């Protein structure tokens, strides 16, 4: 029997509420994914180190280690795709999680269909390679597309799948304005249109990695009310 692409994907669910963990696991199993659930942060870190899941769904309120600390520890050494599932629905809580390194944030209760769609969308970011380019160069910024590697001033950049997707999309349209909704649609999926906080936080993280002065960016420039633009020369 030939396995589908989803059947090859292993998802770690980190959730201390047994009912929620069971619901999420059932949803993903029905969508074709393989899942394992743990209820503590130390077990999550062990599973990530030992079994290398393809994606992690992470609750914040864990009984031993706060989910944000788990997130920060993982992000310090890995760009493993991670989606936070939280009972906190405030915008500020979402921004804090994104700034800590989450690729996405969903507040409970969530739509089952949306959860599966967001998992699929984030995993597609790992596999997606635009064609037919093999290299993109804008001033001192360079993307080696077949290898999915980025360099600034000949120094390797360590990007998450989302950050890489943003950079590819903006570089492909260097000199043009790429709108907020276009970036959300291309990098995350159509269901994210209008979710500007997830875009804003990831652009900020990307600027921290490529700009000499992130407060005065020269590679990813904000076009107020529209989106972002990458100037093709430093005098813009």
C-alpha atoms as a PDB file:
ATOM      1  CA  UNK A   1       0.000   0.000   0.000  1.00  0.00           C
ATOM      2  CA  UNK A   2       1.339   3.447  -0.915  1.00  0.00           C
ATOM      3  CA  UNK A   3       1.258   5.846   2.022  1.00  0.00           C
ATOM      4  CA  UNK A   4      -0.192   9.322   1.519  1.00  0.00           C
ATOM      5  CA  UNK A   5       1.841  12.396   2.323  1.00  0.00           C
ATOM      6  CA  UNK A   6      -0.128  12.992   5.536  1.00  0.00           C
ATOM      7  CA  UNK A   7       0.459   9.416   6.739  1.00  0.00           C
ATOM      8  CA  UNK A   8       4.179  10.134   6.691  1.00  0.00           C
ATOM      9  CA  UNK A   9       3.695  13.143   8.982  1.00  0.00           C
ATOM     10  CA  UNK A  10       4.073  12.760  12.737  1.00  0.00           C
ATOM     11  CA  UNK A  11       2.465  15.386  14.963  1.00  0.00           C
ATOM     12  CA  UNK A  12       3.197  15.821  18.670  1.00  0.00           C
ATOM     13  CA  UNK A  13       0.264  17.068  20.757  1.00  0.00           C
ATOM     14  CA  UNK A  14       1.269  18.702  24.037  1.00  0.00           C
ATOM     15  CA  UNK A  15      -1.919  19.097  26.063  1.00  0.00           C
ATOM     16  CA  UNK A  16      -2.647  18.347  29.712  1.00  0.00           C
ATOM     17  CA  UNK A  17      -6.424  18.196  29.263  1.00  0.00           C
ATOM     18  CA  UNK A  18      -7.127  14.582  28.369  1.00  0.00           C
ATOM     19  CA  UNK A  19     -10.404  15.306  26.558  1.00  0.00           C
ATOM     20  CA  UNK A  20      -8.873  18.044  24.402  1.00  0.00           C
ATOM     21  CA  UNK A  21      -5.864  15.877  23.577  1.00  0.00           C
ATOM     22  CA  UNK A  22      -8.154  13.026  22.537  1.00  0.00           C
ATOM     23  CA  UNK A  23     -10.302  15.288  20.339  1.00  0.00           C
ATOM     24  CA  UNK A  24      -7.268  16.822  18.601  1.00  0.00           C
ATOM     25  CA  UNK A  25      -5.614  13.432  18.129  1.00  0.00           C
ATOM     26  CA  UNK A  26      -8.807  11.964  16.618  1.00  0.00           C
ATOM     27  CA  UNK A  27      -9.182  14.929  14.252  1.00  0.00           C
ATOM     28  CA  UNK A  28      -5.643  14.606  12.969  1.00  0.00           C
ATOM     29  CA  UNK A  29      -5.765  10.809  12.742  1.00  0.00           C
ATOM     30  CA  UNK A  30      -8.915  11.097  10.638  1.00  0.00           C
ATOM     31  CA  UNK A  31      -7.065  13.572   8.391  1.00  0.00           C
ATOM     32  CA  UNK A  32      -4.353  10.964   7.871  1.00  0.00           C
ATOM     33  CA  UNK A  33      -1.664  12.135  10.300  1.00  0.00           C
ATOM     34  CA  UNK A  34       0.100  10.041  12.910  1.00  0.00           C
ATOM     35  CA  UNK A  35      -0.053  11.545  16.388  1.00  0.00           C
ATOM     36  CA  UNK A  36       1.365  11.132  19.866  1.00  0.00           C
ATOM     37  CA  UNK A  37       0.094  13.084  22.874  1.00  0.00           C
ATOM     38  CA  UNK A  38       1.928  14.061  26.057  1.00  0.00           C
ATOM     39  CA  UNK A  39       0.664  16.075  29.008  1.00  0.00           C
ATOM     40  CA  UNK A  40       3.821  17.721  30.365  1.00  0.00           C
ATOM     41  CA  UNK A  41       6.518  20.033  29.090  1.00  0.00           C
ATOM     42  CA  UNK A  42       9.414  17.751  30.037  1.00  0.00           C
ATOM     43  CA  UNK A  43       7.823  14.896  28.100  1.00  0.00           C
ATOM     44  CA  UNK A  44       7.350  17.217  25.134  1.00  0.00           C
ATOM     45  CA  UNK A  45      11.032  18.157  25.119  1.00  0.00           C
ATOM     46  CA  UNK A  46      11.982  14.483  25.362  1.00  0.00           C
ATOM     47  CA  UNK A  47       9.715  13.498  22.465  1.00  0.00           C
ATOM     48  CA  UNK A  48      10.995  16.348  20.302  1.00  0.00           C
ATOM     49  CA  UNK A  49      14.598  15.317  20.923  1.00  0.00           C
ATOM     50  CA  UNK A  50      14.035  11.584  20.525  1.00  0.00           C
ATOM     51  CA  UNK A  51      11.376  11.194  17.839  1.00  0.00           C
ATOM     52  CA  UNK A  52      11.743  14.372  15.716  1.00  0.00           C
ATOM     53  CA  UNK A  53       8.058  15.088  14.985  1.00  0.00           C
ATOM     54  CA  UNK A  54       7.137  17.054  11.861  1.00  0.00           C
ATOM     55  CA  UNK A  55       4.982  19.539  13.801  1.00  0.00           C
ATOM     56  CA  UNK A  56       4.043  20.318  17.400  1.00  0.00           C
ATOM     57  CA  UNK A  57       0.684  21.493  18.750  1.00  0.00           C
ATOM     58  CA  UNK A  58       1.520  23.141  22.073  1.00  0.00           C
ATOM     59  CA  UNK A  59      -0.762  24.129  24.951  1.00  0.00           C
ATOM     60  CA  UNK A  60       0.593  26.900  27.179  1.00  0.00           C
ATOM     61  CA  UNK A  61      -0.826  25.899  30.567  1.00  0.00           C
ATOM     62  CA  UNK A  62       1.178  22.779  31.350  1.00  0.00           C
ATOM     63  CA  UNK A  63       1.555  21.391  34.885  1.00  0.00           C
ATOM     64  CA  UNK A  64       5.363  21.489  35.011  1.00  0.00           C
ATOM     65  CA  UNK A  65       6.905  23.869  32.467  1.00  0.00           C
ATOM     66  CA  UNK A  66       4.989  26.766  30.967  1.00  0.00           C
ATOM     67  CA  UNK A  67       4.379  26.302  27.258  1.00  0.00           C
ATOM     68  CA  UNK A  68       6.229  29.512  26.433  1.00  0.00           C
ATOM     69  CA  UNK A  69       9.365  28.116  28.081  1.00  0.00           C
ATOM     70  CA  UNK A  70       8.999  24.898  26.086  1.00  0.00           C
ATOM     71  CA  UNK A  71       8.627  26.988  22.957  1.00  0.00           C
ATOM     72  CA  UNK A  72      11.706  29.067  23.707  1.00  0.00           C
ATOM     73  CA  UNK A  73      13.837  26.007  24.492  1.00  0.00           C
ATOM     74  CA  UNK A  74      12.851  24.313  21.254  1.00  0.00           C
ATOM     75  CA  UNK A  75      13.286  27.457  19.189  1.00  0.00           C
ATOM     76  CA  UNK A  76      16.798  28.040  20.576  1.00  0.00           C
ATOM     77  CA  UNK A  77      18.018  24.957  18.732  1.00  0.00           C
ATOM     78  CA  UNK A  78      15.388  24.030  16.147  1.00  0.00           C
ATOM     79  CA  UNK A  79      12.998  25.501  13.586  1.00  0.00           C
ATOM     80  CA  UNK A  80      10.463  22.735  14.100  1.00  0.00           C
ATOM     81  CA  UNK A  81       6.990  24.003  13.057  1.00  0.00           C
ATOM     82  CA  UNK A  82       4.954  24.802  16.172  1.00  0.00           C
ATOM     83  CA  UNK A  83       1.347  25.906  16.612  1.00  0.00           C
ATOM     84  CA  UNK A  84       0.192  27.162  20.004  1.00  0.00           C
ATOM     85  CA  UNK A  85      -3.273  26.082  21.163  1.00  0.00           C
ATOM     86  CA  UNK A  86      -4.313  28.266  24.080  1.00  0.00           C
ATOM     87  CA  UNK A  87      -7.302  29.133  26.211  1.00  0.00           C
ATOM     88  CA  UNK A  88      -6.146  32.746  26.070  1.00  0.00           C
ATOM     89  CA  UNK A  89      -7.843  34.583  23.241  1.00  0.00           C
ATOM     90  CA  UNK A  90      -6.465  38.076  23.774  1.00  0.00           C
ATOM     91  CA  UNK A  91      -4.447  39.675  21.000  1.00  0.00           C
ATOM     92  CA  UNK A  92      -1.565  40.361  23.385  1.00  0.00           C
ATOM     93  CA  UNK A  93      -1.298  36.675  24.347  1.00  0.00           C
ATOM     94  CA  UNK A  94      -1.148  35.762  20.675  1.00  0.00           C
ATOM     95  CA  UNK A  95       1.604  38.299  19.990  1.00  0.00           C
ATOM     96  CA  UNK A  96       3.669  37.072  22.970  1.00  0.00           C
ATOM     97  CA  UNK A  97       3.518  33.493  21.676  1.00  0.00           C
ATOM     98  CA  UNK A  98       4.430  34.537  18.152  1.00  0.00           C
ATOM     99  CA  UNK A  99       7.321  36.654  19.392  1.00  0.00           C
ATOM    100  CA  UNK A 100       8.577  33.654  21.381  1.00  0.00           C
ATOM    101  CA  UNK A 101       8.820  31.698  18.143  1.00  0.00           C
ATOM    102  CA  UNK A 102       5.410  30.123  17.473  1.00  0.00           C
ATOM    103  CA  UNK A 103       4.545  29.779  13.795  1.00  0.00           C
ATOM    104  CA  UNK A 104       0.834  30.079  14.490  1.00  0.00           C
ATOM    105  CA  UNK A 105      -1.641  30.584  17.355  1.00  0.00           C
ATOM    106  CA  UNK A 106      -5.158  29.275  17.801  1.00  0.00           C
ATOM    107  CA  UNK A 107      -7.434  30.154  20.706  1.00  0.00           C
ATOM    108  CA  UNK A 108      -9.693  27.547  22.289  1.00  0.00           C
ATOM    109  CA  UNK A 109     -12.372  26.624  21.479  1.00  0.00           C
ATOM    110  CA  UNK A 110     -11.281  26.230  17.862  1.00  0.00           C
ATOM    111  CA  UNK A 111     -12.937  24.996  14.702  1.00  0.00           C
ATOM    112  CA  UNK A 112     -11.891  21.396  13.950  1.00  0.00           C
ATOM    113  CA  UNK A 113     -11.783  22.141  10.217  1.00  0.00           C
ATOM    114  CA  UNK A 114      -9.637  25.221  10.777  1.00  0.00           C
ATOM    115  CA  UNK A 115      -7.174  23.318  12.967  1.00  0.00           C
ATOM    116  CA  UNK A 116      -6.650  20.644  10.318  1.00  0.00           C
ATOM    117  CA  UNK A 117      -6.353  23.333   7.618  1.00  0.00           C
ATOM    118  CA  UNK A 118      -3.737  25.268   9.576  1.00  0.00           C
ATOM    119  CA  UNK A 119      -1.687  22.145  10.245  1.00  0.00           C
ATOM    120  CA  UNK A 120      -1.755  21.296   6.539  1.00  0.00           C
ATOM    121  CA  UNK A 121      -0.886  24.876   5.545  1.00  0.00           C
ATOM    122  CA  UNK A 122       2.122  25.030   7.864  1.00  0.00           C
ATOM    123  CA  UNK A 123       3.442  21.663   6.694  1.00  0.00           C
ATOM    124  CA  UNK A 124       3.130  22.836   3.088  1.00  0.00           C
ATOM    125  CA  UNK A 125       5.505  25.676   3.941  1.00  0.00           C
ATOM    126  CA  UNK A 126       8.213  23.077   4.567  1.00  0.00           C
ATOM    127  CA  UNK A 127       7.776  21.419   1.193  1.00  0.00           C
ATOM    128  CA  UNK A 128       7.024  24.415  -0.999  1.00  0.00           C
ATOM    129  CA  UNK A 129       9.749  25.578  -3.381  1.00  0.00           C
ATOM    130  CA  UNK A 130       8.832  28.189  -5.989  1.00  0.00           C
ATOM    131  CA  UNK A 131       9.891  27.495  -9.534  1.00  0.00           C
ATOM    132  CA  UNK A 132      11.645  28.079 -11.861  1.00  0.00           C
ATOM    133  CA  UNK A 133      14.141  30.165  -9.878  1.00  0.00           C
ATOM    134  CA  UNK A 134      17.224  28.563  -8.442  1.00  0.00           C
ATOM    135  CA  UNK A 135      18.644  31.725  -6.893  1.00  0.00           C
ATOM    136  CA  UNK A 136      17.283  35.108  -5.836  1.00  0.00           C
ATOM    137  CA  UNK A 137      19.633  38.000  -5.111  1.00  0.00           C
ATOM    138  CA  UNK A 138      18.774  41.468  -3.832  1.00  0.00           C
ATOM    139  CA  UNK A 139      21.847  43.504  -2.960  1.00  0.00           C
ATOM    140  CA  UNK A 140      23.644  41.527  -0.229  1.00  0.00           C
ATOM    141  CA  UNK A 141      20.721  39.185   0.406  1.00  0.00           C
ATOM    142  CA  UNK A 142      20.741  35.835  -1.400  1.00  0.00           C
ATOM    143  CA  UNK A 143      18.459  32.799  -1.497  1.00  0.00           C
ATOM    144  CA  UNK A 144      19.651  29.393  -2.705  1.00  0.00           C
ATOM    145  CA  UNK A 145      16.213  27.977  -3.483  1.00  0.00           C
ATOM    146  CA  UNK A 146      17.041  24.295  -4.169  1.00  0.00           C
ATOM    147  CA  UNK A 147      18.846  24.133  -0.821  1.00  0.00           C
ATOM    148  CA  UNK A 148      16.301  26.405   0.936  1.00  0.00           C
ATOM    149  CA  UNK A 149      19.159  28.470   2.349  1.00  0.00           C
ATOM    150  CA  UNK A 150      19.412  32.218   2.840  1.00  0.00           C
ATOM    151  CA  UNK A 151      22.492  34.412   3.243  1.00  0.00           C
ATOM    152  CA  UNK A 152      23.028  38.042   4.169  1.00  0.00           C
ATOM    153  CA  UNK A 153      26.466  39.538   3.588  1.00  0.00           C
ATOM    154  CA  UNK A 154      27.687  35.940   3.009  1.00  0.00           C
ATOM    155  CA  UNK A 155      26.459  34.856   6.448  1.00  0.00           C
ATOM    156  CA  UNK A 156      23.964  31.981   6.657  1.00  0.00           C
ATOM    157  CA  UNK A 157      20.546  32.924   8.004  1.00  0.00           C
ATOM    158  CA  UNK A 158      18.644  30.444  10.150  1.00  0.00           C
ATOM    159  CA  UNK A 159      15.006  30.871   9.206  1.00  0.00           C
ATOM    160  CA  UNK A 160      11.819  29.130  10.232  1.00  0.00           C
ATOM    161  CA  UNK A 161       9.650  27.769   7.376  1.00  0.00           C
ATOM    162  CA  UNK A 162       7.343  30.781   7.754  1.00  0.00           C
ATOM    163  CA  UNK A 163      10.216  33.278   7.689  1.00  0.00           C
ATOM    164  CA  UNK A 164      11.656  31.570   4.623  1.00  0.00           C
ATOM    165  CA  UNK A 165       8.274  31.689   2.881  1.00  0.00           C
ATOM    166  CA  UNK A 166       7.925  35.404   3.620  1.00  0.00           C
ATOM    167  CA  UNK A 167      11.411  36.143   2.338  1.00  0.00           C
ATOM    168  CA  UNK A 168      10.915  34.182  -0.891  1.00  0.00           C
ATOM    169  CA  UNK A 169       7.596  35.911  -1.569  1.00  0.00           C
ATOM    170  CA  UNK A 170       8.931  39.416  -0.950  1.00  0.00           C
ATOM    171  CA  UNK A 171      12.195  38.836  -2.851  1.00  0.00           C
ATOM    172  CA  UNK A 172      10.364  37.491  -5.877  1.00  0.00           C
ATOM    173  CA  UNK A 173       8.622  40.860  -6.117  1.00  0.00           C
ATOM    174  CA  UNK A 174      11.597  43.045  -5.213  1.00  0.00           C
ATOM    175  CA  UNK A 175      10.869  46.669  -6.015  1.00  0.00           C
ATOM    176  CA  UNK A 176       7.095  46.112  -5.804  1.00  0.00           C
ATOM    177  CA  UNK A 177       4.633  46.379  -2.948  1.00  0.00           C
ATOM    178  CA  UNK A 178       3.470  43.014  -1.635  1.00  0.00           C
ATOM    179  CA  UNK A 179       0.181  43.547   0.186  1.00  0.00           C
ATOM    180  CA  UNK A 180      -0.579  42.247   3.652  1.00  0.00           C
ATOM    181  CA  UNK A 181      -3.291  39.913   2.413  1.00  0.00           C
ATOM    182  CA  UNK A 182      -1.155  38.608  -0.448  1.00  0.00           C
ATOM    183  CA  UNK A 183       1.569  37.618   2.003  1.00  0.00           C
ATOM    184  CA  UNK A 184      -0.939  35.971   4.323  1.00  0.00           C
ATOM    185  CA  UNK A 185      -2.562  34.109   1.439  1.00  0.00           C
ATOM    186  CA  UNK A 186       0.696  32.894  -0.128  1.00  0.00           C
ATOM    187  CA  UNK A 187       2.620  32.039   3.043  1.00  0.00           C
ATOM    188  CA  UNK A 188      -0.125  30.845   5.392  1.00  0.00           C
ATOM    189  CA  UNK A 189      -3.234  30.235   3.268  1.00  0.00           C
ATOM    190  CA  UNK A 190      -6.472  31.965   2.325  1.00  0.00           C
ATOM    191  CA  UNK A 191      -8.027  31.399   5.744  1.00  0.00           C
ATOM    192  CA  UNK A 192      -5.414  33.752   7.254  1.00  0.00           C
ATOM    193  CA  UNK A 193      -6.384  36.844   5.257  1.00  0.00           C
ATOM    194  CA  UNK A 194      -6.989  39.683   7.686  1.00  0.00           C
ATOM    195  CA  UNK A 195      -4.848  38.104  10.438  1.00  0.00           C
ATOM    196  CA  UNK A 196      -2.352  40.942  10.464  1.00  0.00           C
ATOM    197  CA  UNK A 197      -0.832  40.282  13.885  1.00  0.00           C
ATOM    198  CA  UNK A 198       0.676  36.943  12.808  1.00  0.00           C
ATOM    199  CA  UNK A 199       2.159  38.694   9.774  1.00  0.00           C
ATOM    200  CA  UNK A 200       3.457  41.675  11.737  1.00  0.00           C
ATOM    201  CA  UNK A 201       5.231  39.553  14.336  1.00  0.00           C
ATOM    202  CA  UNK A 202       6.893  37.304  11.753  1.00  0.00           C
ATOM    203  CA  UNK A 203       8.047  40.299   9.694  1.00  0.00           C
ATOM    204  CA  UNK A 204       9.560  41.724  12.892  1.00  0.00           C
ATOM    205  CA  UNK A 205      11.388  38.428  13.571  1.00  0.00           C
ATOM    206  CA  UNK A 206      12.650  38.330   9.998  1.00  0.00           C
ATOM    207  CA  UNK A 207      13.919  41.903  10.218  1.00  0.00           C
ATOM    208  CA  UNK A 208      15.863  41.018  13.352  1.00  0.00           C
ATOM    209  CA  UNK A 209      17.778  38.473  11.278  1.00  0.00           C
ATOM    210  CA  UNK A 210      18.459  40.401   8.070  1.00  0.00           C
ATOM    211  CA  UNK A 211      18.541  44.099   8.934  1.00  0.00           C
ATOM    212  CA  UNK A 212      21.579  45.859  10.363  1.00  0.00           C
ATOM    213  CA  UNK A 213      19.149  48.176  12.173  1.00  0.00           C
ATOM    214  CA  UNK A 214      15.689  46.566  12.462  1.00  0.00           C
ATOM    215  CA  UNK A 215      14.207  49.888  13.617  1.00  0.00           C
ATOM    216  CA  UNK A 216      15.231  51.430  10.298  1.00  0.00           C
ATOM    217  CA  UNK A 217      14.893  48.559   7.809  1.00  0.00           C
ATOM    218  CA  UNK A 218      16.330  48.797   4.322  1.00  0.00           C
ATOM    219  CA  UNK A 219      15.409  45.327   3.044  1.00  0.00           C
ATOM    220  CA  UNK A 220      11.793  44.948   4.204  1.00  0.00           C
ATOM    221  CA  UNK A 221      10.254  48.405   4.184  1.00  0.00           C
ATOM    222  CA  UNK A 222       6.737  49.084   5.428  1.00  0.00           C
ATOM    223  CA  UNK A 223       4.356  50.718   2.975  1.00  0.00           C
ATOM    224  CA  UNK A 224       1.724  52.179   5.331  1.00  0.00           C
ATOM    225  CA  UNK A 225      -1.762  50.817   4.810  1.00  0.00           C
ATOM    226  CA  UNK A 226      -0.644  48.503   2.007  1.00  0.00           C
ATOM    227  CA  UNK A 227       2.098  46.004   2.839  1.00  0.00           C
ATOM    228  CA  UNK A 228       5.858  45.682   2.417  1.00  0.00           C
ATOM    229  CA  UNK A 229       8.432  46.403  -0.269  1.00  0.00           C
ATOM    230  CA  UNK A 230      12.015  45.257  -0.795  1.00  0.00           C
ATOM    231  CA  UNK A 231      13.990  48.054  -2.499  1.00  0.00           C
ATOM    232  CA  UNK A 232      16.411  46.841  -5.135  1.00  0.00           C
ATOM    233  CA  UNK A 233      19.000  49.398  -4.065  1.00  0.00           C
ATOM    234  CA  UNK A 234      19.923  50.891  -0.702  1.00  0.00           C
ATOM    235  CA  UNK A 235      18.900  54.408  -1.747  1.00  0.00           C
ATOM    236  CA  UNK A 236      15.133  54.280  -1.654  1.00  0.00           C
END
